[in-house]
Structure formats: structure tokens, C-alpha cells
Amino acid sequence: MKKIKITLVKSPIDRPERQKETLKALGLNKLNATKEVEATPQILGMVRKVEHMVSVVEVNG
């Protein structure tokens, strides 16, 4: 399975509560926090909901 690196690049302040909860579920609590996760359909769906606040990079390996 592919891995992706997700980085929070914009603040969740003044965003809907649902988007804040999605970021928390992804493990992104602070600005510039980075998580490396498997690219499952569930994770990709969560990323799509907050794609305006995160940066996604595919990891080789």
C-alpha cells in the first residue's frame, strides 16, 4: 500500500467543527505537524475534506 505524508499548512481557526475533528483524527494538532500514513480510501477521503488546509506528498519506499 502507498504511503503519503500529510502536513498541516493552514490554521483550523474559524473552520467548521467537522473539519477540526477530521484534522484531529488524522493526528494533525499543530501547524506544520506532519504524519506519514497509509493511503487507504478512508484516509484519502479525510484528506479530501481538508485539502485546503493540508499539503500531501507521496512517499517512496
N, C-alpha and C. Protein backbone atom coordinates (compact mmCIF):
# COMPACT_ATOMS: atom_id res chain seq x y z
N MET A 1 0.85 -1.19 0.00
CA MET A 1 0.00 0.00 0.00
C MET A 1 0.89 1.25 0.00
N LYS A 2 0.49 2.26 -0.73
CA LYS A 2 1.25 3.50 -0.80
C LYS A 2 1.18 4.24 0.54
N LYS A 3 2.20 5.04 0.77
CA LYS A 3 2.21 5.89 1.96
C LYS A 3 2.21 7.34 1.49
N ILE A 4 1.56 8.19 2.28
CA ILE A 4 1.55 9.62 1.99
C ILE A 4 1.97 10.37 3.24
N LYS A 5 2.56 11.53 3.03
CA LYS A 5 2.96 12.40 4.13
C LYS A 5 2.02 13.61 4.10
N ILE A 6 1.31 13.84 5.21
CA ILE A 6 0.33 14.92 5.30
C ILE A 6 0.87 15.97 6.27
N THR A 7 0.88 17.23 5.85
CA THR A 7 1.36 18.32 6.68
C THR A 7 0.29 19.40 6.79
N LEU A 8 0.01 19.84 8.00
CA LEU A 8 -0.96 20.92 8.22
C LEU A 8 -0.28 22.26 7.92
N VAL A 9 -0.77 22.98 6.91
CA VAL A 9 -0.12 24.22 6.49
C VAL A 9 -0.97 25.47 6.75
N LYS A 10 -2.26 25.30 7.04
CA LYS A 10 -3.12 26.43 7.37
C LYS A 10 -3.83 26.16 8.68
N SER A 11 -4.08 27.21 9.43
CA SER A 11 -4.69 27.08 10.74
C SER A 11 -6.16 26.68 10.65
N PRO A 12 -6.61 25.80 11.55
CA PRO A 12 -8.02 25.42 11.57
C PRO A 12 -8.92 26.42 12.31
N ILE A 13 -8.36 27.53 12.74
CA ILE A 13 -9.17 28.56 13.40
C ILE A 13 -10.20 29.10 12.41
N ASP A 14 -11.41 29.32 12.87
CA ASP A 14 -12.53 29.81 12.06
C ASP A 14 -12.95 28.81 10.98
N ARG A 15 -12.72 27.55 11.21
CA ARG A 15 -13.17 26.49 10.31
C ARG A 15 -14.31 25.73 10.99
N PRO A 16 -15.15 25.07 10.22
CA PRO A 16 -16.23 24.28 10.83
C PRO A 16 -15.69 23.21 11.77
N GLU A 17 -16.46 22.87 12.77
CA GLU A 17 -16.05 21.89 13.78
C GLU A 17 -15.74 20.54 13.13
N ARG A 18 -16.47 20.20 12.10
CA ARG A 18 -16.26 18.91 11.44
C ARG A 18 -14.86 18.83 10.82
N GLN A 19 -14.39 19.93 10.25
CA GLN A 19 -13.04 19.94 9.68
C GLN A 19 -11.99 19.85 10.78
N LYS A 20 -12.23 20.50 11.92
CA LYS A 20 -11.30 20.41 13.05
C LYS A 20 -11.21 18.97 13.55
N GLU A 21 -12.36 18.29 13.62
CA GLU A 21 -12.36 16.90 14.08
C GLU A 21 -11.65 15.98 13.09
N THR A 22 -11.78 16.28 11.81
CA THR A 22 -11.09 15.49 10.79
C THR A 22 -9.58 15.64 10.95
N LEU A 23 -9.11 16.86 11.18
CA LEU A 23 -7.67 17.07 11.39
C LEU A 23 -7.19 16.34 12.63
N LYS A 24 -8.00 16.36 13.68
CA LYS A 24 -7.63 15.65 14.91
C LYS A 24 -7.56 14.14 14.66
N ALA A 25 -8.49 13.62 13.86
CA ALA A 25 -8.48 12.19 13.55
C ALA A 25 -7.26 11.81 12.70
N LEU A 26 -6.79 12.74 11.89
CA LEU A 26 -5.59 12.50 11.10
C LEU A 26 -4.33 12.64 11.94
N GLY A 27 -4.45 13.20 13.14
CA GLY A 27 -3.30 13.36 14.03
C GLY A 27 -2.56 14.66 13.82
N LEU A 28 -3.22 15.64 13.19
CA LEU A 28 -2.58 16.93 12.93
C LEU A 28 -3.13 17.96 13.92
N ASN A 29 -2.40 18.16 15.02
CA ASN A 29 -2.88 19.04 16.08
C ASN A 29 -2.31 20.44 16.01
N LYS A 30 -1.11 20.58 15.48
CA LYS A 30 -0.44 21.88 15.45
C LYS A 30 -0.05 22.24 14.03
N LEU A 31 0.15 23.51 13.78
CA LEU A 31 0.58 23.97 12.48
C LEU A 31 1.94 23.35 12.15
N ASN A 32 2.13 22.95 10.92
CA ASN A 32 3.33 22.29 10.42
C ASN A 32 3.54 20.88 10.99
N ALA A 33 2.52 20.33 11.64
CA ALA A 33 2.61 18.94 12.10
C ALA A 33 2.55 18.03 10.88
N THR A 34 3.33 16.96 10.89
CA THR A 34 3.39 16.04 9.76
C THR A 34 3.14 14.62 10.23
N LYS A 35 2.35 13.87 9.45
CA LYS A 35 2.09 12.46 9.73
C LYS A 35 2.30 11.67 8.45
N GLU A 36 2.90 10.50 8.58
CA GLU A 36 3.06 9.59 7.45
C GLU A 36 2.09 8.44 7.66
N VAL A 37 1.15 8.27 6.73
CA VAL A 37 0.09 7.27 6.88
C VAL A 37 -0.07 6.48 5.58
N GLU A 38 -0.73 5.33 5.69
CA GLU A 38 -1.05 4.53 4.52
C GLU A 38 -2.17 5.22 3.74
N ALA A 39 -2.13 5.14 2.43
CA ALA A 39 -3.11 5.82 1.58
C ALA A 39 -4.33 4.93 1.36
N THR A 40 -5.09 4.71 2.43
CA THR A 40 -6.32 3.92 2.33
C THR A 40 -7.44 4.82 1.82
N PRO A 41 -8.52 4.24 1.31
CA PRO A 41 -9.65 5.07 0.86
C PRO A 41 -10.22 5.96 1.97
N GLN A 42 -10.21 5.47 3.21
CA GLN A 42 -10.73 6.25 4.32
C GLN A 42 -9.86 7.48 4.57
N ILE A 43 -8.55 7.29 4.59
CA ILE A 43 -7.62 8.40 4.81
C ILE A 43 -7.71 9.40 3.67
N LEU A 44 -7.77 8.92 2.43
CA LEU A 44 -7.84 9.82 1.28
C LEU A 44 -9.13 10.64 1.31
N GLY A 45 -10.22 10.05 1.79
CA GLY A 45 -11.47 10.79 1.93
C GLY A 45 -11.36 11.88 2.98
N MET A 46 -10.68 11.59 4.07
CA MET A 46 -10.48 12.59 5.13
C MET A 46 -9.61 13.73 4.61
N VAL A 47 -8.58 13.38 3.85
CA VAL A 47 -7.68 14.40 3.29
C VAL A 47 -8.46 15.29 2.33
N ARG A 48 -9.34 14.70 1.54
CA ARG A 48 -10.12 15.49 0.59
C ARG A 48 -11.01 16.51 1.29
N LYS A 49 -11.50 16.20 2.48
CA LYS A 49 -12.35 17.13 3.23
C LYS A 49 -11.59 18.35 3.72
N VAL A 50 -10.28 18.21 3.94
CA VAL A 50 -9.48 19.31 4.47
C VAL A 50 -8.32 19.66 3.54
N GLU A 51 -8.47 19.38 2.24
CA GLU A 51 -7.35 19.57 1.31
C GLU A 51 -6.91 21.02 1.19
N HIS A 52 -7.77 21.96 1.56
CA HIS A 52 -7.41 23.38 1.50
C HIS A 52 -6.51 23.79 2.67
N MET A 53 -6.32 22.90 3.66
CA MET A 53 -5.50 23.22 4.82
C MET A 53 -4.25 22.36 4.94
N VAL A 54 -4.13 21.33 4.10
CA VAL A 54 -3.01 20.41 4.22
C VAL A 54 -2.21 20.32 2.93
N SER A 55 -0.99 19.83 3.08
CA SER A 55 -0.12 19.54 1.94
C SER A 55 0.11 18.03 1.95
N VAL A 56 -0.04 17.39 0.80
CA VAL A 56 0.10 15.94 0.70
C VAL A 56 1.23 15.60 -0.26
N VAL A 57 2.14 14.72 0.20
CA VAL A 57 3.27 14.27 -0.61
C VAL A 57 3.30 12.76 -0.58
N GLU A 58 3.47 12.13 -1.74
CA GLU A 58 3.59 10.68 -1.80
C GLU A 58 5.01 10.28 -1.40
N VAL A 59 5.11 9.28 -0.54
CA VAL A 59 6.41 8.83 -0.03
C VAL A 59 6.84 7.60 -0.81
N ASN A 60 8.07 7.60 -1.29
CA ASN A 60 8.61 6.43 -1.99
C ASN A 60 9.21 5.47 -0.98
N GLY A 61 8.94 4.20 -1.17
CA GLY A 61 9.56 3.23 -0.29
C GLY A 61 8.70 2.17 0.16
